[in-house]
PDB file of N, CA and C in Angstrom:
ATOM      1  N   MET A   1      36.921  45.023  69.839  1.00  0.00           N
ATOM      2  CA  MET A   1      36.135  46.066  70.463  1.00  0.00           C
ATOM      3  C   MET A   1      35.118  45.413  71.403  1.00  0.00           C
ATOM      4  N   LYS A   2      34.991  45.981  72.566  1.00  0.00           N
ATOM      5  CA  LYS A   2      34.048  45.449  73.539  1.00  0.00           C
ATOM      6  C   LYS A   2      32.616  45.748  73.107  1.00  0.00           C
ATOM      7  N   TYR A   3      31.709  44.889  73.561  1.00  0.00           N
ATOM      8  CA  TYR A   3      30.299  45.005  73.199  1.00  0.00           C
ATOM      9  C   TYR A   3      29.744  46.391  73.548  1.00  0.00           C
ATOM     10  N   GLU A   4      30.013  46.842  74.747  1.00  0.00           N
ATOM     11  CA  GLU A   4      29.456  48.109  75.208  1.00  0.00           C
ATOM     12  C   GLU A   4      29.930  49.286  74.350  1.00  0.00           C
ATOM     13  N   ALA A   5      31.198  49.271  73.978  1.00  0.00           N
ATOM     14  CA  ALA A   5      31.750  50.342  73.142  1.00  0.00           C
ATOM     15  C   ALA A   5      31.125  50.306  71.749  1.00  0.00           C
ATOM     16  N   ALA A   6      30.981  49.109  71.195  1.00  0.00           N
ATOM     17  CA  ALA A   6      30.374  48.981  69.866  1.00  0.00           C
ATOM     18  C   ALA A   6      28.924  49.434  69.895  1.00  0.00           C
ATOM     19  N   LEU A   7      28.193  49.054  70.932  1.00  0.00           N
ATOM     20  CA  LEU A   7      26.793  49.445  71.047  1.00  0.00           C
ATOM     21  C   LEU A   7      26.664  50.960  71.199  1.00  0.00           C
ATOM     22  N   SER A   8      27.532  51.562  71.972  1.00  0.00           N
ATOM     23  CA  SER A   8      27.507  53.012  72.160  1.00  0.00           C
ATOM     24  C   SER A   8      27.767  53.738  70.841  1.00  0.00           C
ATOM     25  N   GLU A   9      28.754  53.269  70.096  1.00  0.00           N
ATOM     26  CA  GLU A   9      29.053  53.889  68.802  1.00  0.00           C
ATOM     27  C   GLU A   9      27.879  53.712  67.842  1.00  0.00           C
ATOM     28  N   LEU A  10      27.275  52.535  67.857  1.00  0.00           N
ATOM     29  CA  LEU A  10      26.121  52.281  67.001  1.00  0.00           C
ATOM     30  C   LEU A  10      24.962  53.209  67.350  1.00  0.00           C
ATOM     31  N   GLU A  11      24.719  53.408  68.625  1.00  0.00           N
ATOM     32  CA  GLU A  11      23.652  54.319  69.055  1.00  0.00           C
ATOM     33  C   GLU A  11      23.918  55.742  68.579  1.00  0.00           C
ATOM     34  N   GLN A  12      25.175  56.176  68.635  1.00  0.00           N
ATOM     35  CA  GLN A  12      25.523  57.522  68.163  1.00  0.00           C
ATOM     36  C   GLN A  12      25.288  57.657  66.664  1.00  0.00           C
ATOM     37  N   ILE A  13      25.638  56.618  65.927  1.00  0.00           N
ATOM     38  CA  ILE A  13      25.426  56.639  64.473  1.00  0.00           C
ATOM     39  C   ILE A  13      23.942  56.746  64.165  1.00  0.00           C
ATOM     40  N   VAL A  14      23.134  55.970  64.866  1.00  0.00           N
ATOM     41  CA  VAL A  14      21.689  56.005  64.639  1.00  0.00           C
ATOM     42  C   VAL A  14      21.136  57.400  64.928  1.00  0.00           C
ATOM     43  N   GLN A  15      21.579  58.004  66.016  1.00  0.00           N
ATOM     44  CA  GLN A  15      21.110  59.352  66.354  1.00  0.00           C
ATOM     45  C   GLN A  15      21.462  60.355  65.261  1.00  0.00           C
ATOM     46  N   HIS A  16      22.685  60.272  64.749  1.00  0.00           N
ATOM     47  CA  HIS A  16      23.103  61.195  63.695  1.00  0.00           C
ATOM     48  C   HIS A  16      22.285  60.978  62.416  1.00  0.00           C
ATOM     49  N   MET A  17      22.060  59.707  62.088  1.00  0.00           N
ATOM     50  CA  MET A  17      21.314  59.416  60.869  1.00  0.00           C
ATOM     51  C   MET A  17      19.848  59.829  61.010  1.00  0.00           C
ATOM     52  N   GLU A  18      19.274  59.615  62.188  1.00  0.00           N
ATOM     53  CA  GLU A  18      17.878  59.999  62.407  1.00  0.00           C
ATOM     54  C   GLU A  18      17.708  61.515  62.386  1.00  0.00           C
ATOM     55  N   GLY A  19      18.772  62.233  62.707  1.00  0.00           N
ATOM     56  CA  GLY A  19      18.724  63.688  62.671  1.00  0.00           C
ATOM     57  C   GLY A  19      18.533  64.233  61.272  1.00  0.00           C
ATOM     58  N   GLY A  20      18.927  63.445  60.269  1.00  0.00           N
ATOM     59  CA  GLY A  20      18.723  63.836  58.881  1.00  0.00           C
ATOM     60  C   GLY A  20      19.610  64.954  58.381  1.00  0.00           C
ATOM     61  N   LEU A  21      20.673  65.245  59.109  1.00  0.00           N
ATOM     62  CA  LEU A  21      21.539  66.350  58.711  1.00  0.00           C
ATOM     63  C   LEU A  21      22.813  65.912  58.000  1.00  0.00           C
ATOM     64  N   LEU A  22      23.021  64.608  57.866  1.00  0.00           N
ATOM     65  CA  LEU A  22      24.242  64.127  57.224  1.00  0.00           C
ATOM     66  C   LEU A  22      24.114  64.198  55.707  1.00  0.00           C
ATOM     67  N   PRO A  23      25.160  64.647  55.038  1.00  0.00           N
ATOM     68  CA  PRO A  23      25.163  64.586  53.568  1.00  0.00           C
ATOM     69  C   PRO A  23      25.101  63.122  53.112  1.00  0.00           C
ATOM     70  N   LEU A  24      24.737  62.915  51.880  1.00  0.00           N
ATOM     71  CA  LEU A  24      24.531  61.571  51.342  1.00  0.00           C
ATOM     72  C   LEU A  24      25.733  60.660  51.554  1.00  0.00           C
ATOM     73  N   GLU A  25      26.918  61.110  51.188  1.00  0.00           N
ATOM     74  CA  GLU A  25      28.111  60.257  51.313  1.00  0.00           C
ATOM     75  C   GLU A  25      28.395  59.888  52.767  1.00  0.00           C
ATOM     76  N   GLU A  26      28.199  60.833  53.671  1.00  0.00           N
ATOM     77  CA  GLU A  26      28.411  60.543  55.090  1.00  0.00           C
ATOM     78  C   GLU A  26      27.347  59.581  55.601  1.00  0.00           C
ATOM     79  N   SER A  27      26.135  59.703  55.094  1.00  0.00           N
ATOM     80  CA  SER A  27      25.067  58.773  55.477  1.00  0.00           C
ATOM     81  C   SER A  27      25.399  57.351  55.037  1.00  0.00           C
ATOM     82  N   ILE A  28      25.924  57.223  53.842  1.00  0.00           N
ATOM     83  CA  ILE A  28      26.296  55.900  53.340  1.00  0.00           C
ATOM     84  C   ILE A  28      27.421  55.306  54.186  1.00  0.00           C
ATOM     85  N   SER A  29      28.420  56.103  54.498  1.00  0.00           N
ATOM     86  CA  SER A  29      29.522  55.637  55.343  1.00  0.00           C
ATOM     87  C   SER A  29      29.024  55.271  56.734  1.00  0.00           C
ATOM     88  N   ALA A  30      28.140  56.082  57.279  1.00  0.00           N
ATOM     89  CA  ALA A  30      27.588  55.801  58.609  1.00  0.00           C
ATOM     90  C   ALA A  30      26.782  54.507  58.588  1.00  0.00           C
ATOM     91  N   TYR A  31      26.026  54.302  57.527  1.00  0.00           N
ATOM     92  CA  TYR A  31      25.241  53.070  57.406  1.00  0.00           C
ATOM     93  C   TYR A  31      26.152  51.847  57.360  1.00  0.00           C
ATOM     94  N   ARG A  32      27.218  51.940  56.581  1.00  0.00           N
ATOM     95  CA  ARG A  32      28.168  50.820  56.495  1.00  0.00           C
ATOM     96  C   ARG A  32      28.801  50.528  57.855  1.00  0.00           C
ATOM     97  N   ARG A  33      29.230  51.574  58.525  1.00  0.00           N
ATOM     98  CA  ARG A  33      29.849  51.393  59.849  1.00  0.00           C
ATOM     99  C   ARG A  33      28.831  50.816  60.824  1.00  0.00           C
ATOM    100  N   GLY A  34      27.611  51.314  60.777  1.00  0.00           N
ATOM    101  CA  GLY A  34      26.564  50.789  61.640  1.00  0.00           C
ATOM    102  C   GLY A  34      26.302  49.324  61.384  1.00  0.00           C
ATOM    103  N   SER A  35      26.311  48.912  60.133  1.00  0.00           N
ATOM    104  CA  SER A  35      26.113  47.498  59.786  1.00  0.00           C
ATOM    105  C   SER A  35      27.230  46.632  60.359  1.00  0.00           C
ATOM    106  N   GLU A  36      28.470  47.120  60.262  1.00  0.00           N
ATOM    107  CA  GLU A  36      29.606  46.383  60.824  1.00  0.00           C
ATOM    108  C   GLU A  36      29.472  46.248  62.332  1.00  0.00           C
ATOM    109  N   LEU A  37      29.094  47.337  62.992  1.00  0.00           N
ATOM    110  CA  LEU A  37      28.938  47.308  64.448  1.00  0.00           C
ATOM    111  C   LEU A  37      27.806  46.380  64.863  1.00  0.00           C
ATOM    112  N   LEU A  38      26.717  46.400  64.118  1.00  0.00           N
ATOM    113  CA  LEU A  38      25.589  45.531  64.427  1.00  0.00           C
ATOM    114  C   LEU A  38      26.001  44.062  64.328  1.00  0.00           C
ATOM    115  N   LYS A  39      26.699  43.703  63.277  1.00  0.00           N
ATOM    116  CA  LYS A  39      27.175  42.319  63.122  1.00  0.00           C
ATOM    117  C   LYS A  39      28.107  41.943  64.268  1.00  0.00           C
ATOM    118  N   HIS A  40      28.972  42.850  64.644  1.00  0.00           N
ATOM    119  CA  HIS A  40      29.911  42.601  65.744  1.00  0.00           C
ATOM    120  C   HIS A  40      29.147  42.344  67.039  1.00  0.00           C
ATOM    121  N   CYS A  41      28.170  43.189  67.340  1.00  0.00           N
ATOM    122  CA  CYS A  41      27.383  43.027  68.567  1.00  0.00           C
ATOM    123  C   CYS A  41      26.591  41.720  68.543  1.00  0.00           C
ATOM    124  N   GLN A  42      25.995  41.408  67.408  1.00  0.00           N
ATOM    125  CA  GLN A  42      25.230  40.163  67.299  1.00  0.00           C
ATOM    126  C   GLN A  42      26.126  38.951  67.510  1.00  0.00           C
ATOM    127  N   GLN A  43      27.340  38.995  66.978  1.00  0.00           N
ATOM    128  CA  GLN A  43      28.270  37.877  67.152  1.00  0.00           C
ATOM    129  C   GLN A  43      28.674  37.727  68.607  1.00  0.00           C
ATOM    130  N   GLN A  44      28.939  38.838  69.269  1.00  0.00           N
ATOM    131  CA  GLN A  44      29.316  38.769  70.675  1.00  0.00           C
ATOM    132  C   GLN A  44      28.173  38.228  71.522  1.00  0.00           C
ATOM    133  N   LEU A  45      26.954  38.632  71.231  1.00  0.00           N
ATOM    134  CA  LEU A  45      25.805  38.111  71.968  1.00  0.00           C
ATOM    135  C   LEU A  45      25.614  36.624  71.712  1.00  0.00           C
ATOM    136  N   SER A  46      25.813  36.207  70.485  1.00  0.00           N
ATOM    137  CA  SER A  46      25.700  34.792  70.132  1.00  0.00           C
ATOM    138  C   SER A  46      26.759  33.960  70.855  1.00  0.00           C
ATOM    139  N   ASP A  47      27.979  34.473  70.891  1.00  0.00           N
ATOM    140  CA  ASP A  47      29.058  33.779  71.607  1.00  0.00           C
ATOM    141  C   ASP A  47      28.742  33.662  73.094  1.00  0.00           C
ATOM    142  N   ALA A  48      28.222  34.743  73.676  1.00  0.00           N
ATOM    143  CA  ALA A  48      27.880  34.729  75.101  1.00  0.00           C
ATOM    144  C   ALA A  48      26.759  33.727  75.368  1.00  0.00           C
ATOM    145  N   GLU A  49      25.806  33.656  74.468  1.00  0.00           N
ATOM    146  CA  GLU A  49      24.703  32.707  74.632  1.00  0.00           C
ATOM    147  C   GLU A  49      25.205  31.266  74.617  1.00  0.00           C
ATOM    148  N   ARG A  50      26.127  30.960  73.712  1.00  0.00           N
ATOM    149  CA  ARG A  50      26.689  29.601  73.658  1.00  0.00           C
ATOM    150  C   ARG A  50      27.464  29.289  74.928  1.00  0.00           C
ATOM    151  N   LYS A  51      28.189  30.264  75.451  1.00  0.00           N
ATOM    152  CA  LYS A  51      28.932  30.044  76.697  1.00  0.00           C
ATOM    153  C   LYS A  51      27.972  29.753  77.840  1.00  0.00           C
ATOM    154  N   ILE A  52      26.881  30.487  77.898  1.00  0.00           N
ATOM    155  CA  ILE A  52      25.893  30.270  78.957  1.00  0.00           C
ATOM    156  C   ILE A  52      25.273  28.884  78.829  1.00  0.00           C
ATOM    157  N   GLN A  53      24.993  28.462  77.614  1.00  0.00           N
ATOM    158  CA  GLN A  53      24.423  27.131  77.414  1.00  0.00           C
ATOM    159  C   GLN A  53      25.370  26.054  77.930  1.00  0.00           C
ATOM    160  N   VAL A  54      26.657  26.233  77.715  1.00  0.00           N
ATOM    161  CA  VAL A  54      27.645  25.277  78.209  1.00  0.00           C
ATOM    162  C   VAL A  54      27.611  25.261  79.733  1.00  0.00           C
ATOM    163  N   LEU A  55      27.562  26.428  80.348  1.00  0.00           N
ATOM    164  CA  LEU A  55      27.531  26.511  81.809  1.00  0.00           C
ATOM    165  C   LEU A  55      26.243  25.930  82.379  1.00  0.00           C
ATOM    166  N   GLU A  56      25.136  26.105  81.711  1.00  0.00           N
ATOM    167  CA  GLU A  56      23.865  25.604  82.205  1.00  0.00           C
ATOM    168  C   GLU A  56      23.803  24.083  82.200  1.00  0.00           C
ATOM    169  N   GLU A  57      24.601  23.456  81.382  1.00  0.00           N
ATOM    170  CA  GLU A  57      24.631  21.994  81.356  1.00  0.00           C
ATOM    171  C   GLU A  57      25.397  21.435  82.546  1.00  0.00           C
ATOM    172  N   GLY A  58      25.923  22.305  83.374  1.00  0.00           N
ATOM    173  CA  GLY A  58      26.572  21.870  84.597  1.00  0.00           C
ATOM    174  C   GLY A  58      28.025  21.468  84.454  1.00  0.00           C
ATOM    175  N   THR A  59      28.594  21.614  83.295  1.00  0.00           N
ATOM    176  CA  THR A  59      30.001  21.274  83.125  1.00  0.00           C
ATOM    177  C   THR A  59      30.733  22.473  82.544  1.00  0.00           C
ATOM    178  N   LEU A  60      31.909  22.680  83.054  1.00  0.00           N
ATOM    179  CA  LEU A  60      32.756  23.731  82.507  1.00  0.00           C
ATOM    180  C   LEU A  60      33.619  23.101  81.423  1.00  0.00           C
ATOM    181  N   ARG A  61      33.486  23.637  80.233  1.00  0.00           N
ATOM    182  CA  ARG A  61      34.256  23.129  79.106  1.00  0.00           C
ATOM    183  C   ARG A  61      34.886  24.308  78.378  1.00  0.00           C
ATOM    184  N   ASP A  62      35.948  24.027  77.653  1.00  0.00           N
ATOM    185  CA  ASP A  62      36.570  25.071  76.851  1.00  0.00           C
ATOM    186  C   ASP A  62      35.598  25.475  75.763  1.00  0.00           C
ATOM    187  N   PHE A  63      35.626  26.735  75.415  1.00  0.00           N
ATOM    188  CA  PHE A  63      34.765  27.274  74.381  1.00  0.00           C
ATOM    189  C   PHE A  63      35.616  27.834  73.273  1.00  0.00           C
ATOM    190  N   ASP A  64      35.364  27.404  72.055  1.00  0.00           N
ATOM    191  CA  ASP A  64      36.112  27.882  70.904  1.00  0.00           C
ATOM    192  C   ASP A  64      35.198  28.798  70.102  1.00  0.00           C
ATOM    193  N   ALA A  65      35.418  30.105  70.203  1.00  0.00           N
ATOM    194  CA  ALA A  65      34.564  31.091  69.552  1.00  0.00           C
ATOM    195  C   ALA A  65      34.637  31.010  68.035  1.00  0.00           C
ATOM    196  N   ASP A  66      35.707  30.439  67.484  1.00  0.00           N
ATOM    197  CA  ASP A  66      35.866  30.376  66.036  1.00  0.00           C
ATOM    198  C   ASP A  66      34.816  29.483  65.391  1.00  0.00           C
ATOM    199  N   ASP A  67      34.592  28.309  65.979  1.00  0.00           N
ATOM    200  CA  ASP A  67      33.611  27.415  65.363  1.00  0.00           C
ATOM    201  C   ASP A  67      32.334  27.299  66.170  1.00  0.00           C
ATOM    202  N   GLY A  68      32.293  27.941  67.343  1.00  0.00           N
ATOM    203  CA  GLY A  68      31.095  27.957  68.146  1.00  0.00           C
ATOM    204  C   GLY A  68      30.773  26.663  68.847  1.00  0.00           C
ATOM    205  N   ALA A  69      31.674  25.709  68.810  1.00  0.00           N
ATOM    206  CA  ALA A  69      31.406  24.414  69.421  1.00  0.00           C
ATOM    207  C   ALA A  69      32.079  24.325  70.781  1.00  0.00           C
ATOM    208  N   ALA A  70      31.390  23.755  71.717  1.00  0.00           N
ATOM    209  CA  ALA A  70      31.967  23.502  73.033  1.00  0.00           C
ATOM    210  C   ALA A  70      32.722  22.192  72.964  1.00  0.00           C
ATOM    211  N   GLN A  71      33.833  22.144  73.650  1.00  0.00           N
ATOM    212  CA  GLN A  71      34.638  20.918  73.630  1.00  0.00           C
ATOM    213  C   GLN A  71      34.517  20.174  74.920  1.00  0.00           C
TER     214      GLN A  71
END
C-alpha cells in the first residue's frame, strides 16, 4: 500500500473514532487497523529517510529495504 493511501485511511479512522459513534467492537477493530497503518507509514518514512541519506553522501548505491543497509 502506498504511503498516501495508508495515511488517508488512517485519517478516516481517526475521524470516525473521534466522532465517538462507533460501537465498542468496531472501535477496537478500528484501533487495530489504525495501529497497523501507523506502523506501515512510519516504516515507509524511515525507508525514505535512509534512501535520502545515501543520496546525500553523493553516491548512488543499491538500497535494501529489508535490512535497511545501503550497499
